[in-house]
Amino acid sequence: MRVLLAGGGTGGHIYPALAVAEKLKTLHPECEILYIGTKKGLENKIVPKRGIPFRSIAVEGLPRKLNPAFFKAVGKAAGGCIEAKRIVKQFAPDLVIGTGGYVCGPVVLAAKLLGVPAMIHEQNAFPGVTNKILARFVDRIMVNFQASEAYFVHKDRICVTGLPVRQEVLDAQREESLAFFGFSPQRITLLVSGGSRGARSLNRAMAEAYPTLVHYPDLQIIHLTGAVDYEDTLHAIAEKKIDLKCYPQIIVRPYLDEMQYGLGAADFCVGRAGATFLAELTAFCFSRSFLPYSPYI
């Protein structure tokens, strides 16, 4: 069996695809998998690290207004369709799965033009533009929430699956996770995550809080700003006269590919409520039987 996966731009689109790839290899060890993304997206760095063959196509999102950038994006989309069709022909998949992001458009459409079965997965309750368009052509529409059904025309193609979560998230252990960051098991760990792109308001709130938080000797912090807001967040922290080099118990990073360690180390979590992050957080908590009380919630 040969399966082609497409999805990118943010971790919310990439990690469900990786979870699907992981499960496919578990159930069908002989399964061959190819991942298509873009060179600019996080998938270009994340996917190859997992040992999954990766190909990229040149495509970008369409602006909402008619301007020169719109027509440039349309031209790239046309070129991306040609690239995607070539790759699909070469790989000859038995199935194509799109997990979101504009890269899915050319790939899934190329599959359907070539007569290859295709499906998409929508992580959010309100579907993105690409998935709403692709839903008219694919054989199956997988959704995270039943409420998403209202936004799709072909109700008979919809299957409520929930959101795939990687096994490594469920398997994360506290001791190993703390060691990954060089943290002490005697301290309380706070995980702050703004998602792969970031949450500006959350990062600014943290910058305001650091002058107080650094005086708590039993607290250690993992602060994931998101790639877009990383430099601005460092600048905002510096404006508060906080030199992070003096506080090894505070780690500020743009992104953490090994989120299983972030969840495994944390006693408390403050995060942007992205669908994938919430799914991984919930699955991790339930796997640890943190009920009726969980410090994460």
Protein backbone atom coordinates (compact mmCIF):
# COMPACT_ATOMS: atom_id res chain seq x y z
CA MET A 1 0.00 0.00 0.00
CA ARG A 2 1.21 3.50 -0.88
CA VAL A 3 -0.19 6.58 0.88
CA LEU A 4 0.53 10.21 0.06
CA LEU A 5 0.05 12.78 2.84
CA ALA A 6 -0.23 16.53 2.37
CA GLY A 7 -0.54 19.24 4.98
CA GLY A 8 1.44 22.14 6.28
CA GLY A 9 1.98 25.69 7.34
CA THR A 10 1.39 25.10 11.05
CA GLY A 11 1.89 22.27 13.52
CA GLY A 12 -1.88 21.90 13.70
CA HIS A 13 -1.86 20.54 10.15
CA ILE A 14 1.41 18.62 10.35
CA TYR A 15 1.12 16.57 13.54
CA PRO A 16 -2.22 14.91 12.71
CA ALA A 17 -0.64 13.79 9.42
CA LEU A 18 2.36 12.41 11.30
CA ALA A 19 0.01 10.56 13.69
CA VAL A 20 -1.75 9.00 10.68
CA ALA A 21 1.60 8.01 9.16
CA GLU A 22 2.67 6.46 12.47
CA LYS A 23 -0.53 4.41 12.76
CA LEU A 24 -0.37 3.27 9.14
CA LYS A 25 3.17 1.97 9.63
CA THR A 26 2.07 0.18 12.81
CA LEU A 27 -0.90 -1.51 11.15
CA HIS A 28 0.79 -2.06 7.79
CA PRO A 29 4.60 -2.17 8.16
CA GLU A 30 4.97 -2.58 4.40
CA CYS A 31 3.10 0.70 3.77
CA GLU A 32 5.08 3.29 1.75
CA ILE A 33 4.44 6.91 2.70
CA LEU A 34 5.31 10.16 0.94
CA TYR A 35 4.66 13.60 2.43
CA ILE A 36 4.16 16.70 0.29
CA GLY A 37 4.53 20.17 1.77
CA THR A 38 6.20 23.49 1.01
CA LYS A 39 9.76 24.65 1.57
CA LYS A 40 8.56 27.62 3.65
CA GLY A 41 6.34 25.64 6.03
CA LEU A 42 7.37 23.94 9.27
CA GLU A 43 6.79 20.58 7.60
CA ASN A 44 10.01 21.10 5.62
CA LYS A 45 11.95 20.73 8.89
CA ILE A 46 9.70 18.48 10.96
CA VAL A 47 8.79 15.70 8.52
CA PRO A 48 12.29 14.68 7.34
CA LYS A 49 13.36 14.36 11.00
CA ARG A 50 10.79 11.56 11.33
CA GLY A 51 12.38 9.57 8.52
CA ILE A 52 9.41 10.14 6.20
CA PRO A 53 10.24 10.85 2.52
CA PHE A 54 9.38 14.50 1.79
CA ARG A 55 8.75 16.43 -1.43
CA SER A 56 7.90 20.10 -1.73
CA ILE A 57 5.86 22.12 -4.22
CA ALA A 58 5.79 25.89 -4.74
CA VAL A 59 2.42 27.22 -3.62
CA GLU A 60 1.10 29.92 -1.31
CA GLY A 61 -2.22 31.01 0.15
CA LEU A 62 -4.55 33.23 -1.86
CA PRO A 63 -5.07 36.78 -0.51
CA ARG A 64 -8.70 37.66 0.20
CA LYS A 65 -8.52 40.80 -2.02
CA LEU A 66 -7.95 41.23 -5.76
CA ASN A 67 -4.50 42.77 -5.96
CA PRO A 68 -1.13 41.95 -7.61
CA ALA A 69 -0.34 39.50 -4.81
CA PHE A 70 -3.56 37.60 -5.57
CA PHE A 71 -2.66 37.02 -9.23
CA LYS A 72 0.89 36.07 -8.26
CA ALA A 73 -0.51 33.46 -5.83
CA VAL A 74 -2.86 32.14 -8.54
CA GLY A 75 0.12 31.68 -10.85
CA LYS A 76 2.01 29.79 -8.14
CA ALA A 77 -1.05 27.64 -7.45
CA ALA A 78 -1.22 26.67 -11.13
CA GLY A 79 2.47 25.76 -11.07
CA GLY A 80 1.93 23.86 -7.82
CA CYS A 81 -0.83 21.81 -9.45
CA ILE A 82 1.53 20.81 -12.25
CA GLU A 83 4.23 19.84 -9.73
CA ALA A 84 1.72 17.95 -7.59
CA LYS A 85 0.34 16.05 -10.58
CA ARG A 86 3.87 15.01 -11.56
CA ILE A 87 4.65 13.76 -8.05
CA VAL A 88 1.35 11.88 -7.75
CA LYS A 89 2.01 10.17 -11.08
CA GLN A 90 5.53 9.18 -10.01
CA PHE A 91 4.55 7.88 -6.59
CA ALA A 92 1.32 6.22 -7.79
CA PRO A 93 -0.43 6.22 -4.38
CA ASP A 94 -3.39 4.07 -3.47
CA LEU A 95 -4.73 6.91 -1.30
CA VAL A 96 -4.12 10.64 -0.77
CA ILE A 97 -4.89 12.30 2.58
CA GLY A 98 -4.90 16.06 3.12
CA THR A 99 -4.77 17.42 6.66
CA GLY A 100 -5.10 21.13 5.96
CA GLY A 101 -3.20 24.14 4.68
CA TYR A 102 -3.10 25.56 1.19
CA VAL A 103 -0.58 22.94 0.03
CA CYS A 104 -3.40 20.37 0.17
CA GLY A 105 -5.29 22.07 -2.66
CA PRO A 106 -3.01 21.19 -5.59
CA VAL A 107 -2.16 17.75 -4.18
CA VAL A 108 -5.71 16.56 -3.54
CA LEU A 109 -7.01 18.01 -6.83
CA ALA A 110 -4.16 16.34 -8.73
CA ALA A 111 -5.09 13.03 -7.11
CA LYS A 112 -8.72 13.32 -8.16
CA LEU A 113 -7.77 14.31 -11.72
CA LEU A 114 -5.69 11.14 -11.89
CA GLY A 115 -8.45 8.97 -10.43
CA VAL A 116 -6.77 8.38 -7.06
CA PRO A 117 -9.05 8.07 -3.98
CA ALA A 118 -8.61 11.08 -1.69
CA MET A 119 -9.80 12.24 1.70
CA ILE A 120 -9.30 15.29 3.89
CA HIS A 121 -9.24 15.85 7.65
CA GLU A 122 -10.55 19.05 9.22
CA GLN A 123 -9.23 19.76 12.72
CA ASN A 124 -11.33 22.82 13.54
CA ALA A 125 -15.05 23.22 14.16
CA PHE A 126 -15.14 25.91 11.46
CA PRO A 127 -13.43 24.53 8.32
CA GLY A 128 -10.69 26.39 6.51
CA VAL A 129 -11.17 27.72 2.97
CA THR A 130 -9.04 25.02 1.33
CA ASN A 131 -10.93 22.14 2.95
CA LYS A 132 -14.31 23.68 2.15
CA ILE A 133 -13.34 23.72 -1.52
CA LEU A 134 -11.75 20.27 -1.54
CA ALA A 135 -14.75 18.73 0.24
CA ARG A 136 -16.70 18.93 -3.03
CA PHE A 137 -14.24 16.58 -4.75
CA VAL A 138 -12.91 14.10 -2.18
CA ASP A 139 -14.26 10.64 -1.38
CA ARG A 140 -14.29 11.10 2.40
CA ILE A 141 -14.35 14.10 4.77
CA MET A 142 -12.98 13.35 8.23
CA VAL A 143 -13.80 15.88 10.95
CA ASN A 144 -12.72 16.44 14.52
CA PHE A 145 -16.06 17.85 15.68
CA GLN A 146 -19.58 16.85 14.71
CA ALA A 147 -20.46 20.57 14.52
CA SER A 148 -18.30 20.80 11.39
CA GLU A 149 -20.86 18.80 9.41
CA ALA A 150 -23.01 21.92 8.98
CA TYR A 151 -20.34 23.57 6.80
CA PHE A 152 -20.04 20.79 4.22
CA VAL A 153 -22.46 20.07 1.36
CA HIS A 154 -21.93 16.31 1.01
CA LYS A 155 -23.09 15.00 4.40
CA ASP A 156 -22.87 11.37 3.25
CA ARG A 157 -19.09 11.68 2.89
CA ILE A 158 -18.48 12.91 6.44
CA CYS A 159 -16.95 10.74 9.17
CA VAL A 160 -16.39 12.06 12.71
CA THR A 161 -12.98 10.67 13.67
CA GLY A 162 -11.66 13.05 16.31
CA LEU A 163 -8.07 14.21 15.97
CA PRO A 164 -5.18 11.74 15.54
CA VAL A 165 -2.56 12.00 18.32
CA ARG A 166 0.99 10.68 18.12
CA GLN A 167 1.88 7.77 20.40
CA GLU A 168 4.99 9.57 21.65
CA VAL A 169 2.72 12.18 23.28
CA LEU A 170 0.94 9.45 25.23
CA ASP A 171 4.20 7.76 26.22
CA ALA A 172 6.04 10.83 27.58
CA GLN A 173 7.42 10.33 31.11
CA ARG A 174 8.04 13.11 33.63
CA GLU A 175 11.63 12.19 34.52
CA GLU A 176 12.74 11.91 30.90
CA SER A 177 10.92 15.12 29.98
CA LEU A 178 12.50 17.16 32.77
CA ALA A 179 15.94 15.81 31.84
CA PHE A 180 15.38 16.93 28.25
CA PHE A 181 15.21 20.54 29.49
CA GLY A 182 17.78 20.10 32.26
CA PHE A 183 15.10 20.91 34.82
CA SER A 184 14.80 19.86 38.46
CA PRO A 185 12.05 17.42 39.56
CA GLN A 186 11.84 19.41 42.82
CA ARG A 187 10.50 22.51 41.07
CA ILE A 188 7.06 23.28 39.63
CA THR A 189 7.11 23.50 35.84
CA LEU A 190 4.94 25.93 33.88
CA LEU A 191 4.45 25.32 30.15
CA VAL A 192 3.37 28.34 28.08
CA SER A 193 2.59 27.71 24.41
CA GLY A 194 1.38 30.11 21.76
CA GLY A 195 1.25 27.49 19.01
CA SER A 196 3.59 27.15 16.05
CA ARG A 197 2.96 30.71 14.83
CA GLY A 198 2.46 32.30 18.24
CA ALA A 199 -0.06 34.28 20.24
CA ARG A 200 1.07 37.88 20.65
CA SER A 201 -1.22 38.75 23.57
CA LEU A 202 -0.08 35.68 25.51
CA ASN A 203 3.58 36.47 24.88
CA ARG A 204 3.13 40.10 25.99
CA ALA A 205 1.36 38.97 29.15
CA MET A 206 4.29 36.67 29.94
CA ALA A 207 6.80 39.48 29.33
CA GLU A 208 4.87 41.63 31.82
CA ALA A 209 4.86 38.79 34.34
CA TYR A 210 8.56 37.84 34.21
CA PRO A 211 9.77 40.54 36.66
CA THR A 212 7.53 38.84 39.25
CA LEU A 213 7.97 35.22 38.18
CA VAL A 214 11.78 35.27 38.39
CA HIS A 215 11.48 35.75 42.15
CA TYR A 216 9.77 32.38 42.65
CA PRO A 217 12.68 30.00 43.37
CA ASP A 218 10.54 26.85 43.01
CA LEU A 219 9.25 27.74 39.53
CA GLN A 220 10.72 26.76 36.16
CA ILE A 221 9.22 27.85 32.85
CA ILE A 222 9.08 26.56 29.27
CA HIS A 223 7.84 29.45 27.13
CA LEU A 224 7.14 28.66 23.45
CA THR A 225 6.49 31.95 21.70
CA GLY A 226 5.74 30.74 18.18
CA ALA A 227 8.08 31.42 15.26
CA VAL A 228 6.54 34.71 14.15
CA ASP A 229 6.64 36.44 17.54
CA TYR A 230 9.92 35.07 18.93
CA GLU A 231 12.22 38.05 18.37
CA ASP A 232 9.59 40.58 19.48
CA THR A 233 8.99 38.57 22.65
CA LEU A 234 12.70 38.51 23.48
CA HIS A 235 12.77 42.27 22.97
CA ALA A 236 9.72 42.75 25.23
CA ILE A 237 11.37 40.64 27.95
CA ALA A 238 14.61 42.61 27.64
CA GLU A 239 12.65 45.85 28.04
CA LYS A 240 11.61 44.56 31.47
CA LYS A 241 15.32 44.39 32.42
CA ILE A 242 15.24 40.58 32.44
CA ASP A 243 18.44 38.92 31.23
CA LEU A 244 17.43 35.35 30.45
CA LYS A 245 21.06 34.20 30.65
CA CYS A 246 20.82 34.80 34.40
CA TYR A 247 17.78 32.54 34.75
CA PRO A 248 18.51 28.96 33.57
CA GLN A 249 15.15 27.93 35.03
CA ILE A 250 13.44 29.88 32.20
CA ILE A 251 13.57 28.53 28.65
CA VAL A 252 12.18 30.72 25.86
CA ARG A 253 12.04 29.12 22.41
CA PRO A 254 10.21 29.90 19.19
CA TYR A 255 8.99 26.33 18.83
CA LEU A 256 9.31 22.84 20.27
CA ASP A 257 9.07 19.91 17.90
CA GLU A 258 9.32 17.51 20.86
CA MET A 259 6.08 18.74 22.46
CA GLN A 260 5.73 15.41 24.24
CA TYR A 261 8.54 16.55 26.55
CA GLY A 262 6.82 19.88 27.18
CA LEU A 263 3.63 18.12 28.25
CA GLY A 264 5.55 15.46 30.17
CA ALA A 265 7.47 18.04 32.21
CA ALA A 266 4.61 20.44 32.93
CA ASP A 267 2.64 20.77 36.17
CA PHE A 268 0.61 23.67 34.79
CA CYS A 269 -0.07 24.78 31.25
CA VAL A 270 -1.16 28.08 29.70
CA GLY A 271 -1.69 27.85 25.97
CA ARG A 272 -3.37 29.10 22.84
CA ALA A 273 -6.34 26.80 22.32
CA GLY A 274 -5.46 25.29 18.95
CA ALA A 275 -7.31 22.10 18.05
CA THR A 276 -4.21 19.91 17.85
CA PHE A 277 -2.71 21.28 21.05
CA LEU A 278 -5.97 20.71 22.94
CA ALA A 279 -6.27 17.18 21.56
CA GLU A 280 -2.72 16.28 22.60
CA LEU A 281 -3.17 17.91 26.01
CA THR A 282 -6.44 16.04 26.63
CA ALA A 283 -5.08 12.71 25.42
CA PHE A 284 -1.98 13.09 27.58
CA CYS A 285 -4.03 13.92 30.68
CA PHE A 286 -6.35 10.95 30.18
CA SER A 287 -3.40 8.65 29.56
CA ARG A 288 -2.08 9.63 32.99
CA SER A 289 -5.53 9.26 34.60
CA PHE A 290 -5.31 12.83 35.91
CA LEU A 291 -8.94 12.67 37.05
CA PRO A 292 -11.01 14.00 38.71
CA TYR A 293 -8.39 16.77 38.97
CA SER A 294 -5.70 17.60 36.46
CA PRO A 295 -3.16 20.38 37.01
CA TYR A 296 -3.23 21.00 33.25
CA ILE A 297 -6.87 21.99 32.97
